[in-house]
N, C-alpha and C. Protein backbone atom coordinates (compact mmCIF):
# COMPACT_ATOMS: atom_id res chain seq x y z
N MET A 1 2.85 26.65 -3.61
CA MET A 1 2.17 27.40 -2.97
C MET A 1 2.08 27.35 -1.43
N PRO A 2 2.88 28.26 -0.78
CA PRO A 2 3.07 27.80 0.67
C PRO A 2 1.62 27.82 1.67
N LEU A 3 1.54 27.01 2.81
CA LEU A 3 0.58 26.85 3.60
C LEU A 3 0.18 28.25 4.55
N PRO A 4 -0.99 28.68 4.50
CA PRO A 4 -1.17 29.83 5.45
C PRO A 4 -0.83 29.76 6.82
N PRO A 5 0.03 30.07 7.62
CA PRO A 5 0.66 29.97 9.05
C PRO A 5 -0.88 29.59 9.77
N ASP A 6 -1.49 31.05 9.46
CA ASP A 6 -2.38 31.42 10.28
C ASP A 6 -3.77 30.23 9.94
N ARG A 7 -3.90 29.60 9.25
CA ARG A 7 -4.98 28.68 9.01
C ARG A 7 -4.41 27.11 9.33
N VAL A 8 -3.31 27.00 9.71
CA VAL A 8 -2.70 26.05 10.38
C VAL A 8 -2.70 25.95 11.81
N LEU A 9 -2.71 27.25 12.27
CA LEU A 9 -2.96 27.50 13.88
C LEU A 9 -4.48 27.81 14.41
N ALA A 10 -5.24 27.85 13.19
CA ALA A 10 -6.66 28.00 13.76
C ALA A 10 -7.10 26.49 13.66
N ALA A 11 -6.89 25.82 12.84
CA ALA A 11 -7.43 24.37 12.91
C ALA A 11 -6.26 23.88 14.16
N GLN A 12 -5.36 23.97 14.59
CA GLN A 12 -4.92 23.23 15.60
C GLN A 12 -5.65 23.45 16.82
N ARG A 13 -6.02 25.28 16.79
CA ARG A 13 -6.65 25.36 18.02
C ARG A 13 -8.14 24.84 18.19
N LEU A 14 -8.55 24.78 16.63
CA LEU A 14 -10.05 24.05 16.76
C LEU A 14 -9.82 22.62 17.57
N LEU A 15 -8.80 21.92 17.10
CA LEU A 15 -8.40 20.46 17.49
C LEU A 15 -8.32 20.53 18.54
N GLU A 16 -7.60 21.24 19.53
CA GLU A 16 -7.56 21.69 21.12
C GLU A 16 -9.03 22.01 21.36
N GLU A 17 -9.40 22.47 21.06
CA GLU A 17 -10.60 23.14 22.05
C GLU A 17 -11.63 21.78 21.81
N LEU A 18 -11.72 20.97 20.92
CA LEU A 18 -12.64 19.71 20.43
C LEU A 18 -11.98 18.55 21.40
N GLY A 19 -10.72 18.75 22.25
CA GLY A 19 -10.19 17.90 22.94
C GLY A 19 -9.91 16.31 22.15
N VAL A 20 -9.59 16.71 20.82
CA VAL A 20 -9.11 15.46 19.99
C VAL A 20 -7.77 15.39 19.76
N ALA A 21 -6.72 16.43 20.06
CA ALA A 21 -5.43 16.06 19.63
C ALA A 21 -4.79 15.17 20.38
N THR A 22 -5.36 14.78 21.32
CA THR A 22 -4.43 13.57 22.38
C THR A 22 -5.21 12.51 22.24
N GLU A 23 -6.06 12.65 21.54
CA GLU A 23 -7.06 11.17 21.48
C GLU A 23 -6.48 10.29 20.69
N GLU A 24 -6.22 9.06 21.57
CA GLU A 24 -5.20 7.95 21.08
C GLU A 24 -5.38 7.48 19.41
N HIS A 25 -4.74 7.20 18.61
CA HIS A 25 -4.76 6.72 17.21
C HIS A 25 -3.29 6.06 16.78
N PRO A 26 -3.66 4.98 15.81
CA PRO A 26 -2.45 4.57 15.56
C PRO A 26 -1.42 5.26 15.23
N GLY A 27 -0.09 5.18 15.68
CA GLY A 27 1.03 5.49 15.95
C GLY A 27 0.92 7.20 16.73
N GLY A 28 0.15 6.80 17.52
CA GLY A 28 0.31 8.20 18.68
C GLY A 28 -1.08 8.89 19.15
N THR A 29 -1.38 9.84 18.73
CA THR A 29 -2.45 10.66 18.85
C THR A 29 -2.96 10.97 17.68
N LEU A 30 -4.66 11.26 17.63
CA LEU A 30 -5.20 11.70 16.65
C LEU A 30 -4.32 12.99 15.91
N GLY A 31 -3.73 13.92 16.85
CA GLY A 31 -3.49 15.27 16.27
C GLY A 31 -2.34 15.05 15.68
N ALA A 32 -1.45 13.71 16.06
CA ALA A 32 -0.37 13.65 15.38
C ALA A 32 -0.33 12.92 14.23
N HIS A 33 -1.49 12.38 13.81
CA HIS A 33 -1.91 11.33 12.82
C HIS A 33 -2.50 12.82 11.71
N LEU A 34 -3.45 13.68 12.21
CA LEU A 34 -3.77 14.57 11.38
C LEU A 34 -2.54 15.29 10.72
N HIS A 35 -1.30 15.89 11.72
CA HIS A 35 -0.60 16.88 11.35
C HIS A 35 0.04 16.00 10.40
N ARG A 36 0.51 14.79 10.48
CA ARG A 36 1.02 13.55 9.48
C ARG A 36 0.63 13.68 8.14
N VAL A 37 -0.82 13.35 7.93
CA VAL A 37 -2.08 13.56 7.08
C VAL A 37 -1.80 14.85 5.94
N ARG A 38 -1.60 15.67 6.99
CA ARG A 38 -1.45 17.38 6.22
C ARG A 38 0.05 17.36 5.40
N GLN A 39 1.13 16.74 6.01
CA GLN A 39 1.88 16.72 5.44
C GLN A 39 2.50 16.33 4.64
N GLN A 40 1.85 14.89 4.44
CA GLN A 40 2.18 13.90 3.15
C GLN A 40 1.22 14.86 1.82
N PRO A 41 0.24 15.54 1.22
CA PRO A 41 0.15 16.28 0.26
C PRO A 41 1.12 17.35 0.22
N GLU A 42 1.51 17.97 1.16
CA GLU A 42 2.50 18.98 1.07
C GLU A 42 3.72 18.43 0.44
N ARG A 43 3.91 17.06 0.82
CA ARG A 43 5.39 16.50 -0.20
C ARG A 43 4.92 16.13 -1.47
N TRP A 44 3.77 15.94 -1.79
CA TRP A 44 3.13 15.85 -3.19
C TRP A 44 3.27 16.93 -3.93
N ASN A 45 3.52 18.11 -3.30
CA ASN A 45 3.20 19.37 -4.04
C ASN A 45 1.76 19.51 -3.97
N ALA A 46 0.82 19.12 -3.57
CA ALA A 46 -0.55 19.63 -3.15
C ALA A 46 -0.66 21.05 -2.78
N ARG A 47 -1.96 21.65 -3.44
CA ARG A 47 -2.43 22.70 -3.06
C ARG A 47 -2.83 22.76 -1.70
N PRO A 48 -2.46 24.47 -0.94
CA PRO A 48 -2.78 24.54 0.16
C PRO A 48 -4.37 23.70 0.73
N ALA A 49 -4.88 24.15 -0.29
CA ALA A 49 -6.74 23.70 0.59
C ALA A 49 -6.57 21.90 0.60
N LEU A 50 -5.55 21.39 0.09
CA LEU A 50 -5.89 20.07 0.11
C LEU A 50 -4.89 19.50 1.41
N GLN A 51 -3.73 20.18 1.39
CA GLN A 51 -2.85 20.26 3.06
C GLN A 51 -3.75 20.09 3.75
N LEU A 52 -4.54 21.48 3.97
CA LEU A 52 -5.57 21.79 4.94
C LEU A 52 -6.60 21.02 5.48
N ALA A 53 -7.24 20.67 4.46
CA ALA A 53 -8.27 19.45 4.04
C ALA A 53 -7.25 18.05 4.90
N GLY A 54 -6.50 17.82 4.77
CA GLY A 54 -5.45 16.62 5.35
C GLY A 54 -5.27 16.70 6.88
N LEU A 55 -5.19 18.07 7.45
CA LEU A 55 -5.07 18.42 8.89
C LEU A 55 -6.56 18.37 9.45
N CYS A 56 -7.47 18.58 8.96
CA CYS A 56 -8.80 18.37 8.96
C CYS A 56 -9.86 17.33 8.96
N HIS A 57 -9.12 16.26 8.14
CA HIS A 57 -9.70 15.12 7.39
C HIS A 57 -11.23 13.99 8.18
N ALA A 58 -10.53 14.21 9.74
CA ALA A 58 -11.44 13.48 10.48
C ALA A 58 -12.36 14.31 11.34
N PHE A 59 -12.65 15.38 11.26
CA PHE A 59 -13.54 16.17 11.73
C PHE A 59 -14.82 16.18 12.09
N TYR A 60 -15.35 15.52 10.94
CA TYR A 60 -16.73 14.98 10.78
C TYR A 60 -17.01 13.65 10.83
N GLY A 61 -16.05 12.77 11.13
CA GLY A 61 -15.98 11.70 11.19
C GLY A 61 -15.70 10.89 9.46
N THR A 62 -15.66 9.61 9.34
CA THR A 62 -15.84 9.40 8.41
C THR A 62 -16.47 8.01 8.18
N ASP A 63 -16.95 7.21 6.93
CA ASP A 63 -17.45 5.97 6.83
C ASP A 63 -16.77 4.62 7.91
N GLY A 64 -15.22 5.21 8.11
CA GLY A 64 -14.11 3.85 8.56
C GLY A 64 -13.60 4.68 9.94
N PHE A 65 -14.54 6.02 10.44
CA PHE A 65 -13.93 6.60 11.89
C PHE A 65 -15.22 7.06 12.10
N ALA A 66 -15.56 6.53 13.03
CA ALA A 66 -16.91 7.02 13.65
C ALA A 66 -16.80 8.41 14.61
N THR A 67 -15.66 8.35 15.22
CA THR A 67 -15.32 9.84 15.72
C THR A 67 -15.69 11.22 15.14
N ALA A 68 -16.40 12.03 15.60
CA ALA A 68 -16.83 13.22 14.79
C ALA A 68 -16.77 13.96 15.96
N PRO A 69 -15.54 15.04 15.98
CA PRO A 69 -15.38 16.12 16.88
C PRO A 69 -15.98 16.92 16.80
N LEU A 70 -16.71 17.53 15.25
CA LEU A 70 -17.01 18.86 14.97
C LEU A 70 -18.39 18.24 14.35
N PRO A 71 -19.88 18.54 15.06
CA PRO A 71 -20.78 18.19 14.36
C PRO A 71 -21.11 18.98 13.13
N LEU A 72 -21.46 18.45 12.35
CA LEU A 72 -22.33 18.91 10.93
C LEU A 72 -22.89 20.43 10.75
N ALA A 73 -23.51 20.67 12.19
CA ALA A 73 -24.21 21.89 12.29
C ALA A 73 -23.32 22.89 12.34
N HIS A 74 -22.19 22.50 12.81
CA HIS A 74 -20.74 23.50 13.15
C HIS A 74 -20.01 23.97 11.81
N ARG A 75 -20.25 23.36 10.93
CA ARG A 75 -19.27 23.46 10.11
C ARG A 75 -18.42 24.86 9.59
N SER A 76 -19.46 25.88 9.51
CA SER A 76 -18.84 27.26 9.61
C SER A 76 -17.93 27.59 10.62
N ARG A 77 -17.57 26.80 11.69
CA ARG A 77 -16.50 26.92 12.34
C ARG A 77 -15.26 26.49 11.71
N LEU A 78 -15.14 25.35 11.18
CA LEU A 78 -14.21 24.70 10.40
C LEU A 78 -14.30 25.81 8.87
N VAL A 79 -14.86 26.10 8.33
CA VAL A 79 -14.95 26.94 7.17
C VAL A 79 -14.08 28.40 7.89
N GLU A 80 -14.62 28.96 8.91
CA GLU A 80 -13.24 29.92 9.48
C GLU A 80 -12.31 30.03 9.52
N ALA A 81 -11.86 28.33 9.95
CA ALA A 81 -10.83 28.39 10.64
C ALA A 81 -9.35 27.51 9.11
N ILE A 82 -10.25 27.14 8.15
CA ILE A 82 -9.35 26.61 6.79
C ILE A 82 -9.42 27.13 5.95
N GLY A 83 -10.97 27.71 5.59
CA GLY A 83 -11.41 28.29 4.65
C GLY A 83 -12.38 27.10 3.73
N ALA A 84 -13.02 27.71 2.98
CA ALA A 84 -14.25 27.59 2.39
C ALA A 84 -13.91 26.13 1.38
N GLU A 85 -12.87 26.32 0.85
CA GLU A 85 -12.39 25.03 -0.31
C GLU A 85 -11.63 24.14 0.49
N ALA A 86 -10.82 24.64 1.59
CA ALA A 86 -10.34 23.32 2.46
C ALA A 86 -11.44 22.49 3.16
N GLU A 87 -12.43 23.02 3.77
CA GLU A 87 -13.63 22.50 3.96
C GLU A 87 -14.60 21.42 3.34
N SER A 88 -14.81 22.37 2.32
CA SER A 88 -15.32 21.61 1.16
C SER A 88 -15.17 20.06 0.79
N ILE A 89 -13.74 19.80 0.82
CA ILE A 89 -12.92 19.12 0.77
C ILE A 89 -12.69 17.90 1.78
N VAL A 90 -12.93 18.40 3.11
CA VAL A 90 -13.04 17.78 4.48
C VAL A 90 -14.70 17.13 4.21
N TYR A 91 -15.44 17.95 3.84
CA TYR A 91 -17.02 17.59 4.13
C TYR A 91 -17.25 16.19 2.79
N PHE A 92 -16.64 16.30 1.77
CA PHE A 92 -16.87 15.46 0.80
C PHE A 92 -15.77 14.24 1.05
N TYR A 93 -15.16 14.20 1.83
CA TYR A 93 -14.10 13.00 2.29
C TYR A 93 -15.14 12.50 3.48
N ALA A 94 -15.23 13.26 4.48
CA ALA A 94 -16.03 12.76 5.42
C ALA A 94 -17.63 12.25 4.90
N SER A 95 -18.26 12.52 3.75
CA SER A 95 -19.49 12.03 3.22
C SER A 95 -19.42 10.92 2.67
N CYS A 96 -18.36 10.20 2.29
CA CYS A 96 -18.42 9.07 1.09
C CYS A 96 -18.98 8.03 2.10
N ASP A 97 -20.23 7.54 1.37
CA ASP A 97 -20.51 6.25 1.78
C ASP A 97 -19.66 5.22 0.80
N ARG A 98 -18.82 4.79 1.37
CA ARG A 98 -17.56 4.13 0.91
C ARG A 98 -18.15 2.77 0.10
N HIS A 99 -19.06 1.91 0.47
CA HIS A 99 -19.51 0.67 -0.25
C HIS A 99 -20.31 1.23 -1.34
N ALA A 100 -20.80 2.36 -1.40
CA ALA A 100 -21.39 2.47 -2.31
C ALA A 100 -20.51 3.31 -3.33
N SER A 101 -19.67 4.34 -2.92
CA SER A 101 -18.86 5.10 -4.01
C SER A 101 -17.75 4.52 -4.43
N TYR A 102 -16.81 3.66 -3.68
CA TYR A 102 -15.63 3.14 -3.77
C TYR A 102 -15.63 2.68 -5.47
N PRO A 103 -16.28 1.73 -6.09
CA PRO A 103 -16.33 1.25 -6.68
C PRO A 103 -16.35 1.83 -8.40
N THR A 104 -17.07 2.85 -8.58
CA THR A 104 -17.09 4.01 -9.32
C THR A 104 -16.18 4.89 -9.53
N LEU A 105 -15.62 5.74 -8.38
CA LEU A 105 -15.03 6.76 -8.44
C LEU A 105 -13.73 7.16 -9.38
N ALA A 106 -13.37 6.06 -10.09
CA ALA A 106 -12.28 6.31 -10.87
C ALA A 106 -12.98 6.34 -12.33
N ASP A 107 -14.22 5.64 -12.49
CA ASP A 107 -14.64 5.92 -13.99
C ASP A 107 -14.86 7.43 -14.51
N THR A 108 -14.34 7.51 -15.73
CA THR A 108 -14.34 8.52 -16.35
C THR A 108 -15.70 9.45 -16.82
N THR A 109 -16.46 7.87 -16.90
CA THR A 109 -18.28 8.54 -17.16
C THR A 109 -19.01 7.67 -16.12
N GLY A 110 -19.82 8.48 -15.16
CA GLY A 110 -20.63 7.97 -14.79
C GLY A 110 -20.13 6.98 -13.06
N ALA A 111 -19.36 8.37 -12.76
CA ALA A 111 -19.01 8.13 -11.26
C ALA A 111 -20.09 8.52 -10.41
N ASP A 112 -20.28 7.51 -9.63
CA ASP A 112 -21.64 7.55 -8.81
C ASP A 112 -20.72 7.68 -7.25
N PHE A 113 -21.62 8.97 -6.70
CA PHE A 113 -20.93 9.31 -5.46
C PHE A 113 -22.36 9.09 -3.86
N ARG A 114 -21.89 8.70 -3.21
CA ARG A 114 -23.21 8.49 -2.10
C ARG A 114 -22.85 9.25 -0.81
N ASP A 115 -23.49 10.77 -0.39
CA ASP A 115 -23.11 11.30 0.65
C ASP A 115 -23.94 10.39 1.56
N ARG A 116 -23.12 9.96 2.81
CA ARG A 116 -23.64 9.28 3.83
C ARG A 116 -24.43 9.97 4.86
N PHE A 117 -24.58 11.19 4.72
CA PHE A 117 -24.96 12.21 5.45
C PHE A 117 -26.30 12.29 5.16
N THR A 118 -26.53 12.57 3.96
CA THR A 118 -27.61 13.11 3.42
C THR A 118 -28.58 11.97 2.27
N GLY A 119 -27.79 11.16 1.73
CA GLY A 119 -28.27 10.06 0.96
C GLY A 119 -27.97 10.56 -0.50
N ARG A 120 -27.89 11.61 -0.61
CA ARG A 120 -27.91 12.01 -1.82
C ARG A 120 -26.70 11.46 -2.67
N ARG A 121 -27.61 11.25 -4.09
CA ARG A 121 -26.56 10.47 -5.20
C ARG A 121 -25.93 11.40 -6.05
N PHE A 122 -25.05 11.61 -6.32
CA PHE A 122 -24.39 12.49 -7.64
C PHE A 122 -23.34 12.01 -8.31
N THR A 123 -22.76 12.68 -9.57
CA THR A 123 -21.45 12.50 -10.20
C THR A 123 -20.74 13.75 -9.55
N PRO A 124 -19.62 13.32 -8.86
CA PRO A 124 -18.25 14.54 -8.25
C PRO A 124 -17.73 15.19 -9.53
N THR A 125 -17.13 16.11 -9.56
CA THR A 125 -16.18 16.33 -10.89
C THR A 125 -14.91 15.60 -10.36
N LEU A 126 -14.12 15.97 -11.54
CA LEU A 126 -12.78 15.41 -11.68
C LEU A 126 -11.97 15.97 -10.19
N GLN A 127 -12.07 17.18 -10.18
CA GLN A 127 -11.29 17.86 -9.19
C GLN A 127 -11.44 16.93 -7.65
N GLU A 128 -13.05 17.02 -7.54
CA GLU A 128 -13.43 16.37 -6.15
C GLU A 128 -13.43 14.69 -6.35
N ARG A 129 -12.73 14.20 -6.96
CA ARG A 129 -12.47 12.95 -6.88
C ARG A 129 -11.05 12.84 -6.53
N ALA A 130 -10.43 13.43 -7.54
CA ALA A 130 -8.95 13.30 -7.32
C ALA A 130 -8.39 14.21 -5.97
N ASP A 131 -8.88 14.95 -5.00
CA ASP A 131 -8.84 15.56 -4.31
C ASP A 131 -9.26 14.40 -2.97
N PHE A 132 -9.88 13.89 -3.10
CA PHE A 132 -10.75 12.52 -2.53
C PHE A 132 -9.62 11.17 -2.41
N ALA A 133 -9.48 11.19 -3.83
CA ALA A 133 -8.07 10.04 -3.97
C ALA A 133 -6.84 10.71 -3.10
N GLU A 134 -6.55 11.32 -3.63
CA GLU A 134 -5.22 12.05 -2.57
C GLU A 134 -5.39 11.93 -1.26
N LEU A 135 -6.28 12.71 -0.53
CA LEU A 135 -6.41 12.59 0.86
C LEU A 135 -6.91 11.07 1.70
N THR A 136 -7.20 10.46 0.76
CA THR A 136 -7.62 8.46 1.19
C THR A 136 -6.19 8.39 1.27
N ALA A 137 -5.48 8.37 -0.01
CA ALA A 137 -3.98 7.73 0.25
C ALA A 137 -2.98 8.47 1.30
N ALA A 138 -3.36 9.77 1.42
CA ALA A 138 -2.47 10.42 2.67
C ALA A 138 -3.01 9.71 3.91
N ASN A 139 -3.97 9.17 4.09
CA ASN A 139 -4.64 9.05 5.33
C ASN A 139 -4.50 7.42 5.60
N GLU A 140 -4.74 6.61 4.73
CA GLU A 140 -4.31 5.21 4.68
C GLU A 140 -2.74 5.05 4.52
N VAL A 141 -2.06 5.64 3.80
CA VAL A 141 -0.88 5.53 3.66
C VAL A 141 -0.24 5.83 5.18
N ASP A 142 -0.65 6.93 5.67
CA ASP A 142 0.36 7.17 7.23
C ASP A 142 -0.03 6.13 8.26
N ILE A 143 -1.36 5.34 8.29
CA ILE A 143 -1.62 4.70 9.23
C ILE A 143 -0.97 3.28 8.70
N ALA A 144 -0.56 3.01 7.22
CA ALA A 144 -0.19 1.72 6.99
C ALA A 144 1.43 1.81 7.77
N ARG A 145 1.89 3.05 7.48
CA ARG A 145 3.15 3.58 7.75
C ARG A 145 3.44 2.85 9.05
N VAL A 146 2.48 3.73 10.01
CA VAL A 146 2.95 4.03 11.48
C VAL A 146 2.58 2.46 12.14
N ASP A 147 1.57 1.14 11.63
CA ASP A 147 1.20 0.29 11.98
C ASP A 147 1.08 -0.57 11.30
N ALA A 148 1.97 -1.53 11.66
CA ALA A 148 2.32 -2.97 10.84
C ALA A 148 0.68 -3.88 10.80
N SER A 149 0.57 -3.89 11.94
CA SER A 149 -0.86 -4.81 11.93
C SER A 149 -1.95 -4.36 11.18
N PHE A 150 -2.04 -3.01 10.80
CA PHE A 150 -2.85 -2.54 10.00
C PHE A 150 -2.62 -2.55 8.32
N ARG A 151 -1.05 -2.49 8.46
CA ARG A 151 -0.45 -2.81 6.81
C ARG A 151 -1.14 -4.67 6.31
N GLU A 152 -0.88 -4.82 7.59
CA GLU A 152 -0.65 -6.59 7.20
C GLU A 152 -1.93 -7.21 6.94
N ALA A 153 -2.92 -6.22 7.72
CA ALA A 153 -4.36 -6.85 7.65
C ALA A 153 -5.07 -6.27 6.44
N TRP A 154 -4.52 -4.75 5.99
CA TRP A 154 -5.66 -4.30 5.41
C TRP A 154 -4.78 -3.76 3.92
N GLY A 155 -3.43 -3.76 3.83
CA GLY A 155 -2.62 -3.47 2.99
C GLY A 155 -2.66 -4.05 1.61
N ALA A 156 -3.32 -5.29 1.44
CA ALA A 156 -3.34 -5.48 0.05
C ALA A 156 -4.84 -4.93 -0.61
N GLY A 157 -5.80 -4.95 0.24
CA GLY A 157 -7.10 -4.43 -0.10
C GLY A 157 -6.76 -3.08 -0.49
N LEU A 158 -5.75 -2.19 0.37
CA LEU A 158 -5.72 -0.90 -0.20
C LEU A 158 -4.95 -0.41 -1.12
N LEU A 159 -4.30 -1.17 -1.36
CA LEU A 159 -3.38 -1.45 -2.76
C LEU A 159 -4.13 -1.74 -4.04
N ALA A 160 -5.06 -2.13 -3.99
CA ALA A 160 -6.03 -2.80 -5.00
C ALA A 160 -6.81 -1.49 -5.33
N LEU A 161 -7.23 -1.16 -3.92
CA LEU A 161 -8.29 -0.03 -4.13
C LEU A 161 -7.55 1.69 -5.31
N PHE A 162 -6.07 1.68 -4.23
CA PHE A 162 -5.00 2.64 -5.03
C PHE A 162 -5.33 2.42 -6.83
N THR A 163 -5.01 1.11 -6.84
CA THR A 163 -4.51 0.66 -8.36
C THR A 163 -5.92 1.16 -9.16
N ARG A 164 -7.10 0.94 -8.72
CA ARG A 164 -8.62 1.29 -9.40
C ARG A 164 -8.35 3.08 -9.35
N LEU A 165 -8.00 3.42 -8.13
CA LEU A 165 -8.02 5.15 -8.25
C LEU A 165 -6.86 5.95 -8.90
N ARG A 166 -5.75 4.80 -9.53
CA ARG A 166 -4.49 5.44 -9.71
C ARG A 166 -4.82 6.63 -10.66
N PRO A 167 -5.68 6.71 -11.87
CA PRO A 167 -5.96 7.71 -12.55
C PRO A 167 -6.19 9.12 -11.87
N LEU A 168 -6.84 9.02 -10.61
CA LEU A 168 -6.71 10.10 -9.83
C LEU A 168 -5.88 10.83 -8.80
N LEU A 169 -4.98 9.73 -9.11
CA LEU A 169 -3.60 10.04 -8.20
C LEU A 169 -2.75 10.71 -8.81
N SER A 170 -1.72 11.97 -8.05
CA SER A 170 -0.51 12.28 -8.54
C SER A 170 0.52 10.98 -8.65
N PRO A 171 1.10 11.20 -9.26
CA PRO A 171 2.44 10.19 -9.58
C PRO A 171 3.08 10.28 -7.98
N GLN A 172 3.25 11.37 -7.34
CA GLN A 172 3.94 11.16 -6.15
C GLN A 172 2.73 10.10 -4.93
N ALA A 173 1.58 10.64 -5.03
CA ALA A 173 0.81 9.55 -3.78
C ALA A 173 1.20 7.95 -4.42
N TRP A 174 0.75 8.19 -6.14
CA TRP A 174 0.79 6.91 -6.70
C TRP A 174 2.15 5.89 -6.02
N GLN A 175 3.37 6.56 -5.55
CA GLN A 175 4.45 6.16 -5.40
C GLN A 175 4.50 5.98 -3.78
N ALA A 176 3.83 6.64 -3.32
CA ALA A 176 3.81 6.71 -1.90
C ALA A 176 2.84 5.32 -1.33
N CYS A 177 1.86 5.08 -2.38
CA CYS A 177 0.67 3.81 -1.95
C CYS A 177 1.56 2.63 -2.49
N THR A 178 2.51 2.54 -3.30
CA THR A 178 3.43 1.37 -3.80
C THR A 178 4.34 1.00 -2.84
N ALA A 179 5.35 2.25 -2.48
CA ALA A 179 5.84 1.94 -1.33
C ALA A 179 5.64 1.38 0.02
N VAL A 180 4.46 1.79 0.33
CA VAL A 180 4.19 1.40 1.78
C VAL A 180 3.32 0.50 1.83
N LEU A 181 2.29 0.35 0.51
CA LEU A 181 1.68 -0.75 0.46
C LEU A 181 1.89 -2.37 -0.13
N GLY A 182 2.96 -2.05 -1.16
CA GLY A 182 3.40 -2.94 -2.04
C GLY A 182 4.22 -3.83 -1.35
N ASP A 183 3.90 -5.23 -2.00
CA ASP A 183 4.83 -6.21 -1.24
C ASP A 183 6.31 -6.11 -1.39
């Protein structure tokens, strides 16, 4: 299914308005990184909502990236730009308390997720966990692809993470993880 060009344009305008499109990031700018992360799920044949989430995955910051261009109080602006489904993926991705959530995300029973914004613990749906895994893979694979020092420092640990998350990853995402992060 093709990505709605008006949604991509709206997200790009919001990026520019928030002043983060030109912010430095491994491999160039944050804007360039976000576009590459959007393109990765597209190559994996992901649905448009996941592709749009890739483009906006850093809008609320993450447990590993403190910059939060859009405050949570303004979530409606991102919903307006990319749609409710894509925004909910962005929120889920940004809200992950990695230390608390990563160990059990791929568990078929008892996956425990901790929202770092609210402290709430819950069991996410299989779709939420799969979207999270795909988006995480797209993000980390992109950084590892463009930054050799990042790949050297974190590649083995990321490959171990994606090996645990493999049941949640599409075959294409798993192949990208092993191609970029594998020895």
